C-alpha cells in the first residue's frame, strides 16, 4: 500500500476464537472494520459475483433455492477433500482481494482500519499492507465448543477444520499483538481498549 494509505491492522485467529466479537469492540472504539468473511458472504449471497462460477465448478447441489451458497454443505465437502478446497479458494480469494482493495481505498474518518482475515498467516496477499498483526487467541476446547454452537457442525468436523488451519503456536509466534479470549466480555473489552490506544499512537505517526 502507498504511504497515503490508511493505517492497517490485521486481525486473525482460529475458527471460533472470537474475531467478530473483537472486531465489534474495536468498531465501538472508532476503528473502521473491513472483514473478508463479510465480503465472502456478499460474493456467495443470492446473485453474488461468485455464484455462477461456483455452480459451474461444483454443481447446483451446492446452491440453495434462493441462489445463495449452501455454506454448511460446502464446508463439509471441502474439508473432506483438500483439492476441492483449493478449487473454491481459486474462485473466492481473487474476488475477496479485489473487494478488499476497493474497501481500503474508500476514504474514512477512522484513525485506522482493522482488516479481519481468518487465514492471514496462511496466505501472503495481505501481510505486506499491515502495520501490525493482531491474533485473537483462546484454548482449542473453547474454539471447538463455540464453533459447534454457532454452526451446528459435529465435533469431528470442527476438529478437522481446526487441524487444517495454521497451528495455535505458529499463529502466536507470528503475531505482533495478542488478545486472549478465555474470560468474559469485560476482560476482552479492556484488552481492546488498551490496544486501541496503541494503534491511535501509531496512526498519528502514519499521518
N, C-alpha and C. Protein backbone atom coordinates (compact mmCIF):
# COMPACT_ATOMS: atom_id res chain seq x y z
N UNK A 1 0.84 -1.19 0.00
CA UNK A 1 0.00 0.00 0.00
C UNK A 1 0.88 1.25 0.00
N UNK A 2 0.37 2.35 -0.51
CA UNK A 2 1.16 3.56 -0.60
C UNK A 2 1.26 4.26 0.75
N UNK A 3 2.14 5.27 0.80
CA UNK A 3 2.34 6.00 2.05
C UNK A 3 1.07 6.73 2.48
N UNK A 4 0.19 7.07 1.48
CA UNK A 4 -1.03 7.79 1.78
C UNK A 4 -2.15 6.87 2.26
N UNK A 5 -1.90 5.58 2.21
CA UNK A 5 -2.95 4.63 2.57
C UNK A 5 -3.21 4.68 4.07
N UNK A 6 -4.41 4.27 4.50
CA UNK A 6 -4.72 4.27 5.94
C UNK A 6 -3.88 3.24 6.68
N UNK A 7 -3.70 3.49 7.97
CA UNK A 7 -3.01 2.52 8.82
C UNK A 7 -3.85 1.25 8.90
N UNK A 8 -3.24 0.13 8.58
CA UNK A 8 -3.95 -1.15 8.55
C UNK A 8 -3.41 -2.07 9.64
N UNK A 9 -4.32 -2.60 10.43
CA UNK A 9 -4.01 -3.60 11.44
C UNK A 9 -4.71 -4.89 11.02
N UNK A 10 -3.97 -5.97 10.89
CA UNK A 10 -4.55 -7.25 10.51
C UNK A 10 -5.02 -8.02 11.74
N UNK A 11 -6.27 -8.45 11.71
CA UNK A 11 -6.84 -9.24 12.81
C UNK A 11 -7.10 -10.66 12.32
N UNK A 12 -6.60 -11.62 13.07
CA UNK A 12 -6.82 -13.01 12.69
C UNK A 12 -6.96 -13.87 13.95
N UNK A 13 -7.18 -15.15 13.74
CA UNK A 13 -7.36 -16.09 14.83
C UNK A 13 -8.01 -17.34 14.29
N UNK A 14 -7.91 -18.42 15.03
CA UNK A 14 -8.52 -19.67 14.60
C UNK A 14 -10.04 -19.59 14.59
N UNK A 15 -10.66 -20.55 13.95
CA UNK A 15 -12.12 -20.61 13.93
C UNK A 15 -12.66 -20.67 15.36
N UNK A 16 -13.69 -19.88 15.64
CA UNK A 16 -14.28 -19.88 16.98
C UNK A 16 -13.50 -19.12 18.03
N UNK A 17 -12.47 -18.39 17.63
CA UNK A 17 -11.65 -17.68 18.61
C UNK A 17 -12.31 -16.40 19.12
N UNK A 18 -13.25 -15.86 18.34
CA UNK A 18 -13.92 -14.63 18.76
C UNK A 18 -13.51 -13.41 17.96
N UNK A 19 -13.07 -13.59 16.72
CA UNK A 19 -12.62 -12.47 15.89
C UNK A 19 -13.71 -11.42 15.68
N UNK A 20 -14.93 -11.88 15.41
CA UNK A 20 -16.02 -10.93 15.15
C UNK A 20 -16.35 -10.11 16.38
N UNK A 21 -16.34 -10.74 17.54
CA UNK A 21 -16.60 -10.02 18.78
C UNK A 21 -15.53 -8.96 19.03
N UNK A 22 -14.28 -9.32 18.82
CA UNK A 22 -13.18 -8.36 18.99
C UNK A 22 -13.30 -7.23 17.98
N UNK A 23 -13.62 -7.56 16.74
CA UNK A 23 -13.79 -6.52 15.71
C UNK A 23 -14.90 -5.55 16.10
N UNK A 24 -16.01 -6.08 16.63
CA UNK A 24 -17.10 -5.21 17.06
C UNK A 24 -16.65 -4.27 18.17
N UNK A 25 -15.83 -4.76 19.08
CA UNK A 25 -15.33 -3.91 20.17
C UNK A 25 -14.41 -2.82 19.63
N UNK A 26 -13.59 -3.14 18.65
CA UNK A 26 -12.74 -2.11 18.03
C UNK A 26 -13.60 -1.09 17.29
N UNK A 27 -14.68 -1.55 16.66
CA UNK A 27 -15.57 -0.62 15.97
C UNK A 27 -16.18 0.37 16.96
N UNK A 28 -16.53 -0.11 18.16
CA UNK A 28 -17.07 0.77 19.20
C UNK A 28 -16.05 1.83 19.62
N UNK A 29 -14.77 1.49 19.49
CA UNK A 29 -13.70 2.44 19.82
C UNK A 29 -13.46 3.45 18.70
N UNK A 30 -14.03 3.19 17.53
CA UNK A 30 -13.87 4.14 16.41
C UNK A 30 -13.06 3.63 15.24
N UNK A 31 -12.62 2.37 15.28
CA UNK A 31 -11.87 1.81 14.16
C UNK A 31 -12.80 1.48 13.00
N UNK A 32 -12.28 1.57 11.79
CA UNK A 32 -13.02 1.07 10.63
C UNK A 32 -12.74 -0.42 10.50
N UNK A 33 -13.76 -1.21 10.23
CA UNK A 33 -13.62 -2.66 10.11
C UNK A 33 -13.87 -3.08 8.67
N UNK A 34 -12.93 -3.82 8.11
CA UNK A 34 -13.13 -4.49 6.82
C UNK A 34 -12.91 -5.97 7.08
N UNK A 35 -13.99 -6.74 6.94
CA UNK A 35 -13.96 -8.16 7.30
C UNK A 35 -14.06 -8.99 6.03
N UNK A 36 -13.03 -9.76 5.74
CA UNK A 36 -13.04 -10.55 4.50
C UNK A 36 -14.08 -11.66 4.53
N UNK A 37 -14.49 -12.10 5.72
CA UNK A 37 -15.59 -13.06 5.82
C UNK A 37 -16.90 -12.43 5.36
N UNK A 38 -17.11 -11.17 5.73
CA UNK A 38 -18.30 -10.45 5.28
C UNK A 38 -18.29 -10.32 3.77
N UNK A 39 -17.12 -9.99 3.21
CA UNK A 39 -17.00 -9.88 1.75
C UNK A 39 -17.28 -11.23 1.08
N UNK A 40 -16.79 -12.31 1.69
CA UNK A 40 -17.04 -13.65 1.16
C UNK A 40 -18.53 -13.96 1.15
N UNK A 41 -19.23 -13.56 2.20
CA UNK A 41 -20.68 -13.78 2.27
C UNK A 41 -21.40 -12.98 1.18
N UNK A 42 -20.91 -11.77 0.91
CA UNK A 42 -21.51 -10.98 -0.17
C UNK A 42 -21.34 -11.68 -1.52
N UNK A 43 -20.19 -12.24 -1.73
CA UNK A 43 -19.90 -12.92 -3.00
C UNK A 43 -20.71 -14.19 -3.18
N UNK A 44 -21.12 -14.81 -2.07
CA UNK A 44 -21.83 -16.09 -2.14
C UNK A 44 -23.30 -15.96 -1.74
N UNK A 45 -23.80 -14.72 -1.64
CA UNK A 45 -25.21 -14.47 -1.40
C UNK A 45 -25.99 -14.66 -2.70
N UNK A 46 -27.32 -14.64 -2.65
CA UNK A 46 -28.08 -14.71 -3.90
C UNK A 46 -27.62 -13.62 -4.87
N UNK A 47 -27.34 -14.02 -6.11
CA UNK A 47 -26.82 -13.12 -7.15
C UNK A 47 -25.41 -12.62 -6.86
N UNK A 48 -24.72 -13.22 -5.89
CA UNK A 48 -23.35 -12.84 -5.60
C UNK A 48 -22.43 -13.12 -6.78
N UNK A 49 -21.35 -12.35 -6.86
CA UNK A 49 -20.47 -12.41 -8.03
C UNK A 49 -19.77 -13.76 -8.20
N UNK A 50 -19.69 -14.55 -7.12
CA UNK A 50 -19.00 -15.84 -7.22
C UNK A 50 -19.94 -17.00 -7.56
N UNK A 51 -21.24 -16.78 -7.52
CA UNK A 51 -22.16 -17.91 -7.55
C UNK A 51 -22.21 -18.63 -8.90
N UNK A 52 -22.10 -17.91 -9.99
CA UNK A 52 -22.10 -18.57 -11.29
C UNK A 52 -20.89 -19.50 -11.42
N UNK A 53 -19.73 -19.01 -11.01
CA UNK A 53 -18.50 -19.82 -11.09
C UNK A 53 -18.59 -21.02 -10.16
N UNK A 54 -19.15 -20.83 -8.98
CA UNK A 54 -19.27 -21.95 -8.03
C UNK A 54 -20.21 -23.01 -8.58
N UNK A 55 -21.32 -22.58 -9.16
CA UNK A 55 -22.26 -23.53 -9.75
C UNK A 55 -21.63 -24.32 -10.89
N UNK A 56 -20.83 -23.64 -11.70
CA UNK A 56 -20.17 -24.31 -12.82
C UNK A 56 -19.12 -25.32 -12.33
N UNK A 57 -18.41 -24.97 -11.27
CA UNK A 57 -17.31 -25.80 -10.79
C UNK A 57 -17.79 -26.96 -9.92
N UNK A 58 -18.78 -26.71 -9.06
CA UNK A 58 -19.17 -27.70 -8.07
C UNK A 58 -20.54 -28.33 -8.31
N UNK A 59 -21.37 -27.69 -9.10
CA UNK A 59 -22.70 -28.23 -9.35
C UNK A 59 -23.78 -27.52 -8.57
N UNK A 60 -24.99 -27.63 -9.06
CA UNK A 60 -26.12 -26.91 -8.47
C UNK A 60 -26.50 -27.44 -7.09
N UNK A 61 -26.02 -28.61 -6.70
CA UNK A 61 -26.37 -29.16 -5.39
C UNK A 61 -25.80 -28.32 -4.24
N UNK A 62 -24.84 -27.46 -4.54
CA UNK A 62 -24.26 -26.60 -3.50
C UNK A 62 -24.90 -25.22 -3.47
N UNK A 63 -25.96 -25.03 -4.25
CA UNK A 63 -26.65 -23.74 -4.30
C UNK A 63 -28.05 -23.91 -3.73
N UNK A 64 -28.40 -23.06 -2.78
CA UNK A 64 -29.71 -23.11 -2.15
C UNK A 64 -30.79 -22.61 -3.10
N UNK A 65 -32.05 -22.82 -2.70
CA UNK A 65 -33.17 -22.41 -3.54
C UNK A 65 -33.18 -20.91 -3.81
N UNK A 66 -32.66 -20.12 -2.87
CA UNK A 66 -32.65 -18.66 -3.05
C UNK A 66 -31.46 -18.18 -3.89
N UNK A 67 -30.59 -19.12 -4.30
CA UNK A 67 -29.44 -18.75 -5.13
C UNK A 67 -28.16 -18.52 -4.37
N UNK A 68 -28.21 -18.64 -3.04
CA UNK A 68 -27.01 -18.46 -2.22
C UNK A 68 -26.26 -19.79 -2.10
N UNK A 69 -24.99 -19.68 -1.74
CA UNK A 69 -24.20 -20.88 -1.47
C UNK A 69 -24.74 -21.61 -0.25
N UNK A 70 -24.84 -22.91 -0.34
CA UNK A 70 -25.14 -23.74 0.83
C UNK A 70 -23.83 -23.91 1.58
N UNK A 71 -23.58 -23.01 2.53
CA UNK A 71 -22.28 -22.94 3.18
C UNK A 71 -21.99 -24.18 4.02
N UNK A 72 -22.99 -24.70 4.70
CA UNK A 72 -22.77 -25.88 5.54
C UNK A 72 -22.37 -27.08 4.68
N UNK A 73 -23.08 -27.29 3.57
CA UNK A 73 -22.77 -28.41 2.69
C UNK A 73 -21.39 -28.24 2.05
N UNK A 74 -21.08 -27.01 1.63
CA UNK A 74 -19.78 -26.76 1.01
C UNK A 74 -18.66 -26.93 2.03
N UNK A 75 -18.88 -26.48 3.26
CA UNK A 75 -17.84 -26.59 4.29
C UNK A 75 -17.47 -28.05 4.53
N UNK A 76 -18.47 -28.89 4.66
CA UNK A 76 -18.20 -30.32 4.86
C UNK A 76 -17.50 -30.92 3.65
N UNK A 77 -17.89 -30.49 2.46
CA UNK A 77 -17.32 -31.02 1.23
C UNK A 77 -15.83 -30.68 1.10
N UNK A 78 -15.49 -29.42 1.32
CA UNK A 78 -14.10 -29.00 1.07
C UNK A 78 -13.15 -29.48 2.16
N UNK A 79 -13.66 -29.68 3.37
CA UNK A 79 -12.76 -30.18 4.41
C UNK A 79 -12.61 -31.69 4.37
N UNK A 80 -13.45 -32.35 3.58
CA UNK A 80 -13.26 -33.78 3.33
C UNK A 80 -12.33 -34.01 2.13
N UNK A 81 -12.27 -33.02 1.24
CA UNK A 81 -11.47 -33.15 0.02
C UNK A 81 -10.60 -31.91 -0.13
N UNK A 82 -9.31 -32.04 0.16
CA UNK A 82 -8.41 -30.89 0.13
C UNK A 82 -8.35 -30.24 -1.25
N UNK A 83 -8.40 -31.05 -2.31
CA UNK A 83 -8.32 -30.49 -3.66
C UNK A 83 -9.56 -29.65 -3.97
N UNK A 84 -10.70 -30.02 -3.40
CA UNK A 84 -11.92 -29.24 -3.61
C UNK A 84 -11.83 -27.90 -2.89
N UNK A 85 -11.18 -27.88 -1.75
CA UNK A 85 -10.97 -26.62 -1.03
C UNK A 85 -10.15 -25.66 -1.88
N UNK A 86 -9.14 -26.16 -2.54
CA UNK A 86 -8.30 -25.31 -3.40
C UNK A 86 -9.10 -24.76 -4.57
N UNK A 87 -10.03 -25.54 -5.09
CA UNK A 87 -10.87 -25.06 -6.19
C UNK A 87 -11.74 -23.89 -5.74
N UNK A 88 -12.32 -24.02 -4.54
CA UNK A 88 -13.15 -22.94 -4.03
C UNK A 88 -12.31 -21.70 -3.75
N UNK A 89 -11.14 -21.89 -3.18
CA UNK A 89 -10.26 -20.75 -2.89
C UNK A 89 -9.84 -20.04 -4.18
N UNK A 90 -9.63 -20.81 -5.25
CA UNK A 90 -9.22 -20.21 -6.52
C UNK A 90 -10.32 -19.31 -7.09
N UNK A 91 -11.57 -19.61 -6.75
CA UNK A 91 -12.69 -18.76 -7.17
C UNK A 91 -12.81 -17.55 -6.25
N UNK A 92 -12.83 -17.80 -4.95
CA UNK A 92 -13.17 -16.75 -3.99
C UNK A 92 -12.03 -15.78 -3.68
N UNK A 93 -10.82 -16.29 -3.51
CA UNK A 93 -9.75 -15.43 -3.00
C UNK A 93 -9.43 -14.23 -3.88
N UNK A 94 -9.34 -14.39 -5.21
CA UNK A 94 -9.10 -13.19 -6.03
C UNK A 94 -10.23 -12.17 -5.94
N UNK A 95 -11.46 -12.65 -5.84
CA UNK A 95 -12.61 -11.75 -5.74
C UNK A 95 -12.61 -11.02 -4.40
N UNK A 96 -12.29 -11.75 -3.32
CA UNK A 96 -12.22 -11.13 -1.99
C UNK A 96 -11.10 -10.09 -1.96
N UNK A 97 -9.96 -10.42 -2.54
CA UNK A 97 -8.83 -9.49 -2.57
C UNK A 97 -9.20 -8.21 -3.29
N UNK A 98 -9.89 -8.34 -4.42
CA UNK A 98 -10.30 -7.16 -5.19
C UNK A 98 -11.27 -6.30 -4.39
N UNK A 99 -12.24 -6.92 -3.73
CA UNK A 99 -13.19 -6.16 -2.91
C UNK A 99 -12.49 -5.50 -1.72
N UNK A 100 -11.51 -6.20 -1.15
CA UNK A 100 -10.77 -5.63 -0.01
C UNK A 100 -10.01 -4.38 -0.43
N UNK A 101 -9.36 -4.44 -1.58
CA UNK A 101 -8.63 -3.26 -2.08
C UNK A 101 -9.58 -2.10 -2.31
N UNK A 102 -10.75 -2.39 -2.86
CA UNK A 102 -11.74 -1.34 -3.09
C UNK A 102 -12.19 -0.72 -1.78
N UNK A 103 -12.42 -1.56 -0.77
CA UNK A 103 -12.89 -1.06 0.52
C UNK A 103 -11.82 -0.21 1.21
N UNK A 104 -10.58 -0.62 1.13
CA UNK A 104 -9.49 0.14 1.75
C UNK A 104 -9.35 1.50 1.10
N UNK A 105 -9.58 1.55 -0.22
CA UNK A 105 -9.39 2.80 -0.96
C UNK A 105 -10.47 3.84 -0.67
N UNK A 106 -11.59 3.42 -0.09
CA UNK A 106 -12.67 4.37 0.24
C UNK A 106 -12.20 5.24 1.41
N UNK A 107 -12.25 6.57 1.26
CA UNK A 107 -11.81 7.45 2.36
C UNK A 107 -12.60 7.19 3.64
N UNK A 108 -11.91 7.31 4.77
CA UNK A 108 -12.55 7.06 6.06
C UNK A 108 -12.04 8.07 7.08
N UNK A 109 -12.93 8.47 7.96
CA UNK A 109 -12.53 9.36 9.03
C UNK A 109 -11.97 8.62 10.24
N UNK A 110 -11.96 7.29 10.17
CA UNK A 110 -11.44 6.50 11.28
C UNK A 110 -9.92 6.64 11.38
N UNK A 111 -9.38 6.56 12.60
CA UNK A 111 -7.93 6.72 12.76
C UNK A 111 -7.12 5.57 12.16
N UNK A 112 -7.73 4.39 12.07
CA UNK A 112 -7.06 3.24 11.46
C UNK A 112 -8.12 2.24 11.03
N UNK A 113 -7.69 1.27 10.24
CA UNK A 113 -8.58 0.24 9.71
C UNK A 113 -8.14 -1.11 10.24
N UNK A 114 -9.10 -1.86 10.75
CA UNK A 114 -8.86 -3.23 11.19
C UNK A 114 -9.30 -4.16 10.07
N UNK A 115 -8.35 -4.88 9.51
CA UNK A 115 -8.62 -5.79 8.40
C UNK A 115 -8.70 -7.21 8.96
N UNK A 116 -9.91 -7.78 8.95
CA UNK A 116 -10.15 -9.10 9.54
C UNK A 116 -9.96 -10.16 8.46
N UNK A 117 -8.92 -10.99 8.64
CA UNK A 117 -8.59 -12.03 7.65
C UNK A 117 -8.36 -13.34 8.40
N UNK A 118 -9.33 -14.26 8.39
CA UNK A 118 -9.16 -15.51 9.13
C UNK A 118 -7.90 -16.28 8.78
N UNK A 119 -7.52 -16.29 7.51
CA UNK A 119 -6.34 -17.05 7.08
C UNK A 119 -5.17 -16.11 6.77
N UNK A 120 -5.00 -15.11 7.61
CA UNK A 120 -3.99 -14.08 7.37
C UNK A 120 -2.59 -14.67 7.18
N UNK A 121 -2.20 -15.60 8.06
CA UNK A 121 -0.85 -16.13 8.02
C UNK A 121 -0.70 -17.30 7.04
N UNK A 122 -1.83 -17.86 6.63
CA UNK A 122 -1.77 -18.97 5.66
C UNK A 122 -1.48 -18.47 4.25
N UNK A 123 -1.83 -17.23 3.97
CA UNK A 123 -1.60 -16.65 2.64
C UNK A 123 -0.69 -15.45 2.76
N UNK A 124 -0.32 -14.89 1.61
CA UNK A 124 0.61 -13.75 1.59
C UNK A 124 -0.01 -12.50 0.97
N UNK A 125 -1.31 -12.53 0.69
CA UNK A 125 -1.93 -11.43 -0.05
C UNK A 125 -2.00 -10.14 0.75
N UNK A 126 -2.10 -10.22 2.07
CA UNK A 126 -2.41 -9.03 2.86
C UNK A 126 -1.27 -8.56 3.76
N UNK A 127 -0.33 -9.42 4.06
CA UNK A 127 0.62 -9.11 5.13
C UNK A 127 1.50 -7.89 4.82
N UNK A 128 1.84 -7.69 3.56
CA UNK A 128 2.71 -6.57 3.21
C UNK A 128 2.03 -5.22 3.43
N UNK A 129 0.71 -5.21 3.53
CA UNK A 129 -0.02 -3.96 3.73
C UNK A 129 -0.05 -3.52 5.18
N UNK A 130 0.23 -4.42 6.12
CA UNK A 130 -0.11 -4.22 7.51
C UNK A 130 0.98 -3.55 8.32
N UNK A 131 0.54 -2.67 9.24
CA UNK A 131 1.47 -2.10 10.21
C UNK A 131 1.69 -3.06 11.37
N UNK A 132 0.63 -3.79 11.76
CA UNK A 132 0.70 -4.74 12.86
C UNK A 132 -0.24 -5.90 12.55
N UNK A 133 0.04 -7.04 13.16
CA UNK A 133 -0.88 -8.18 13.10
C UNK A 133 -1.34 -8.50 14.51
N UNK A 134 -2.64 -8.72 14.65
CA UNK A 134 -3.25 -8.98 15.96
C UNK A 134 -3.95 -10.33 15.91
N UNK A 135 -3.61 -11.19 16.84
CA UNK A 135 -4.21 -12.52 16.94
C UNK A 135 -5.17 -12.58 18.12
N UNK A 136 -6.37 -13.09 17.88
CA UNK A 136 -7.30 -13.42 18.96
C UNK A 136 -7.06 -14.89 19.31
N UNK A 137 -6.67 -15.13 20.54
CA UNK A 137 -6.27 -16.48 20.96
C UNK A 137 -7.19 -17.00 22.05
N UNK A 138 -7.40 -18.31 22.03
CA UNK A 138 -8.14 -18.97 23.11
C UNK A 138 -7.76 -20.45 23.13
N UNK A 139 -8.19 -21.15 24.15
CA UNK A 139 -7.95 -22.57 24.23
C UNK A 139 -8.68 -23.29 23.09
N UNK A 140 -8.08 -24.37 22.58
CA UNK A 140 -8.70 -25.11 21.49
C UNK A 140 -10.08 -25.64 21.87
N UNK A 141 -10.24 -26.04 23.14
CA UNK A 141 -11.54 -26.55 23.57
C UNK A 141 -12.62 -25.48 23.45
N UNK A 142 -12.26 -24.22 23.72
CA UNK A 142 -13.21 -23.13 23.56
C UNK A 142 -13.56 -22.91 22.10
N UNK A 143 -12.54 -22.97 21.24
CA UNK A 143 -12.79 -22.86 19.80
C UNK A 143 -13.83 -23.87 19.33
N UNK A 144 -13.61 -25.11 19.75
CA UNK A 144 -14.47 -26.19 19.28
C UNK A 144 -15.90 -26.02 19.77
N UNK A 145 -16.07 -25.70 21.05
CA UNK A 145 -17.41 -25.54 21.60
C UNK A 145 -18.14 -24.36 20.97
N UNK A 146 -17.45 -23.24 20.79
CA UNK A 146 -18.08 -22.06 20.19
C UNK A 146 -18.50 -22.35 18.75
N UNK A 147 -17.63 -23.02 18.01
CA UNK A 147 -17.93 -23.30 16.61
C UNK A 147 -19.09 -24.28 16.49
N UNK A 148 -19.13 -25.28 17.34
CA UNK A 148 -20.24 -26.23 17.31
C UNK A 148 -21.56 -25.52 17.60
N UNK A 149 -21.57 -24.63 18.59
CA UNK A 149 -22.80 -23.90 18.93
C UNK A 149 -23.24 -23.01 17.78
N UNK A 150 -22.28 -22.36 17.15
CA UNK A 150 -22.60 -21.39 16.11
C UNK A 150 -23.02 -22.04 14.80
N UNK A 151 -22.33 -23.09 14.42
CA UNK A 151 -22.51 -23.67 13.09
C UNK A 151 -23.41 -24.89 13.06
N UNK A 152 -23.54 -25.57 14.22
CA UNK A 152 -24.28 -26.82 14.23
C UNK A 152 -23.49 -28.00 13.69
N UNK A 153 -22.22 -27.79 13.37
CA UNK A 153 -21.39 -28.89 12.88
C UNK A 153 -21.04 -29.85 14.01
N UNK A 154 -20.85 -31.13 13.69
CA UNK A 154 -20.42 -32.08 14.72
C UNK A 154 -18.98 -31.83 15.14
N UNK A 155 -18.62 -32.33 16.31
CA UNK A 155 -17.28 -32.08 16.85
C UNK A 155 -16.18 -32.56 15.91
N UNK A 156 -16.37 -33.73 15.29
CA UNK A 156 -15.33 -34.26 14.39
C UNK A 156 -15.07 -33.32 13.23
N UNK A 157 -16.13 -32.73 12.69
CA UNK A 157 -15.97 -31.80 11.57
C UNK A 157 -15.23 -30.54 12.01
N UNK A 158 -15.57 -30.04 13.19
CA UNK A 158 -14.91 -28.83 13.69
C UNK A 158 -13.43 -29.11 13.96
N UNK A 159 -13.14 -30.27 14.56
CA UNK A 159 -11.74 -30.61 14.82
C UNK A 159 -10.96 -30.73 13.51
N UNK A 160 -11.60 -31.21 12.47
CA UNK A 160 -10.95 -31.30 11.16
C UNK A 160 -10.61 -29.92 10.62
N UNK A 161 -11.53 -28.98 10.80
CA UNK A 161 -11.28 -27.60 10.35
C UNK A 161 -10.11 -27.00 11.13
N UNK A 162 -10.12 -27.18 12.45
CA UNK A 162 -9.04 -26.64 13.29
C UNK A 162 -7.70 -27.24 12.88
N UNK A 163 -7.69 -28.54 12.60
CA UNK A 163 -6.43 -29.22 12.25
C UNK A 163 -5.86 -28.72 10.94
N UNK A 164 -6.71 -28.23 10.03
CA UNK A 164 -6.23 -27.78 8.74
C UNK A 164 -5.81 -26.31 8.74
N UNK A 165 -6.07 -25.61 9.84
CA UNK A 165 -5.60 -24.24 9.96
C UNK A 165 -4.19 -24.24 10.53
N UNK A 166 -3.53 -23.10 10.41
CA UNK A 166 -2.20 -22.96 10.98
C UNK A 166 -2.28 -23.25 12.49
N UNK A 167 -1.23 -23.80 13.06
CA UNK A 167 -1.29 -24.18 14.47
C UNK A 167 -1.37 -22.95 15.38
N UNK A 168 -1.92 -23.17 16.54
CA UNK A 168 -2.02 -22.08 17.52
C UNK A 168 -0.64 -21.53 17.86
N UNK A 169 0.32 -22.41 18.06
CA UNK A 169 1.67 -21.96 18.42
C UNK A 169 2.29 -21.11 17.32
N UNK A 170 2.10 -21.51 16.07
CA UNK A 170 2.67 -20.76 14.95
C UNK A 170 1.96 -19.41 14.80
N UNK A 171 0.66 -19.40 14.99
CA UNK A 171 -0.10 -18.14 14.90
C UNK A 171 0.40 -17.15 15.96
N UNK A 172 0.62 -17.63 17.17
CA UNK A 172 1.11 -16.77 18.24
C UNK A 172 2.54 -16.30 17.96
N UNK A 173 3.34 -17.16 17.36
CA UNK A 173 4.72 -16.78 17.04
C UNK A 173 4.76 -15.64 16.02
N UNK A 174 3.82 -15.65 15.08
CA UNK A 174 3.81 -14.66 14.01
C UNK A 174 3.13 -13.35 14.41
N UNK A 175 2.38 -13.36 15.51
CA UNK A 175 1.60 -12.18 15.91
C UNK A 175 2.47 -11.06 16.45
N UNK A 176 2.11 -9.82 16.13
CA UNK A 176 2.71 -8.66 16.79
C UNK A 176 2.01 -8.41 18.12
N UNK A 177 0.69 -8.60 18.13
CA UNK A 177 -0.12 -8.36 19.32
C UNK A 177 -1.06 -9.54 19.51
N UNK A 178 -1.45 -9.80 20.76
CA UNK A 178 -2.34 -10.92 21.08
C UNK A 178 -3.43 -10.45 22.04
N UNK A 179 -4.65 -10.84 21.75
CA UNK A 179 -5.77 -10.68 22.68
C UNK A 179 -6.21 -12.07 23.10
N UNK A 180 -6.33 -12.28 24.41
CA UNK A 180 -6.74 -13.58 24.94
C UNK A 180 -8.24 -13.57 25.20
N UNK A 181 -8.93 -14.52 24.61
CA UNK A 181 -10.39 -14.58 24.74
C UNK A 181 -10.80 -15.84 25.48
N UNK A 182 -10.36 -15.94 26.72
CA UNK A 182 -10.73 -17.08 27.56
C UNK A 182 -11.51 -16.65 28.80
N UNK A 183 -11.84 -15.36 28.89
CA UNK A 183 -12.58 -14.87 30.06
C UNK A 183 -13.90 -14.26 29.59
N UNK A 184 -14.36 -13.20 30.28
CA UNK A 184 -15.65 -12.61 29.93
C UNK A 184 -15.48 -11.42 28.99
N UNK A 185 -16.61 -10.84 28.59
CA UNK A 185 -16.60 -9.76 27.62
C UNK A 185 -15.89 -8.52 28.16
N UNK A 186 -16.01 -8.26 29.46
CA UNK A 186 -15.36 -7.08 30.02
C UNK A 186 -13.83 -7.20 29.95
N UNK A 187 -13.32 -8.41 30.16
CA UNK A 187 -11.88 -8.63 30.04
C UNK A 187 -11.43 -8.42 28.60
N UNK A 188 -12.26 -8.85 27.67
CA UNK A 188 -11.96 -8.67 26.25
C UNK A 188 -11.95 -7.17 25.90
N UNK A 189 -12.97 -6.47 26.39
CA UNK A 189 -13.08 -5.03 26.10
C UNK A 189 -11.90 -4.25 26.67
N UNK A 190 -11.41 -4.66 27.84
CA UNK A 190 -10.25 -3.99 28.44
C UNK A 190 -9.01 -4.15 27.55
N UNK A 191 -8.80 -5.34 27.02
CA UNK A 191 -7.65 -5.57 26.13
C UNK A 191 -7.78 -4.76 24.84
N UNK A 192 -9.00 -4.71 24.31
CA UNK A 192 -9.23 -3.93 23.09
C UNK A 192 -8.95 -2.45 23.33
N UNK A 193 -9.43 -1.93 24.45
CA UNK A 193 -9.22 -0.50 24.75
C UNK A 193 -7.73 -0.17 24.87
N UNK A 194 -6.98 -1.08 25.47
CA UNK A 194 -5.54 -0.85 25.61
C UNK A 194 -4.85 -0.83 24.25
N UNK A 195 -5.18 -1.79 23.40
CA UNK A 195 -4.57 -1.83 22.08
C UNK A 195 -5.03 -0.68 21.20
N UNK A 196 -6.27 -0.26 21.38
CA UNK A 196 -6.78 0.88 20.62
C UNK A 196 -5.90 2.11 20.86
N UNK A 197 -5.53 2.34 22.10
CA UNK A 197 -4.66 3.48 22.40
C UNK A 197 -3.31 3.33 21.70
N UNK A 198 -2.79 2.13 21.67
CA UNK A 198 -1.52 1.88 20.98
C UNK A 198 -1.64 2.15 19.49
N UNK A 199 -2.76 1.71 18.90
CA UNK A 199 -2.96 1.90 17.46
C UNK A 199 -3.23 3.37 17.13
N UNK A 200 -3.87 4.09 18.05
CA UNK A 200 -4.04 5.53 17.84
C UNK A 200 -2.69 6.23 17.75
N UNK A 201 -1.79 5.84 18.63
CA UNK A 201 -0.45 6.43 18.59
C UNK A 201 0.26 6.12 17.29
N UNK A 202 0.11 4.90 16.80
CA UNK A 202 0.69 4.53 15.51
C UNK A 202 0.07 5.34 14.37
N UNK A 203 -1.23 5.58 14.45
CA UNK A 203 -1.92 6.29 13.38
C UNK A 203 -1.44 7.73 13.28
N UNK A 204 -1.07 8.32 14.42
CA UNK A 204 -0.53 9.68 14.40
C UNK A 204 0.79 9.70 13.63
N UNK A 205 1.62 8.71 13.86
CA UNK A 205 2.89 8.62 13.14
C UNK A 205 2.73 8.29 11.67
N UNK A 206 1.55 7.75 11.30
CA UNK A 206 1.29 7.36 9.91
C UNK A 206 0.80 8.53 9.07
N UNK A 207 0.39 9.62 9.73
CA UNK A 207 -0.15 10.79 9.01
C UNK A 207 0.93 11.50 8.20
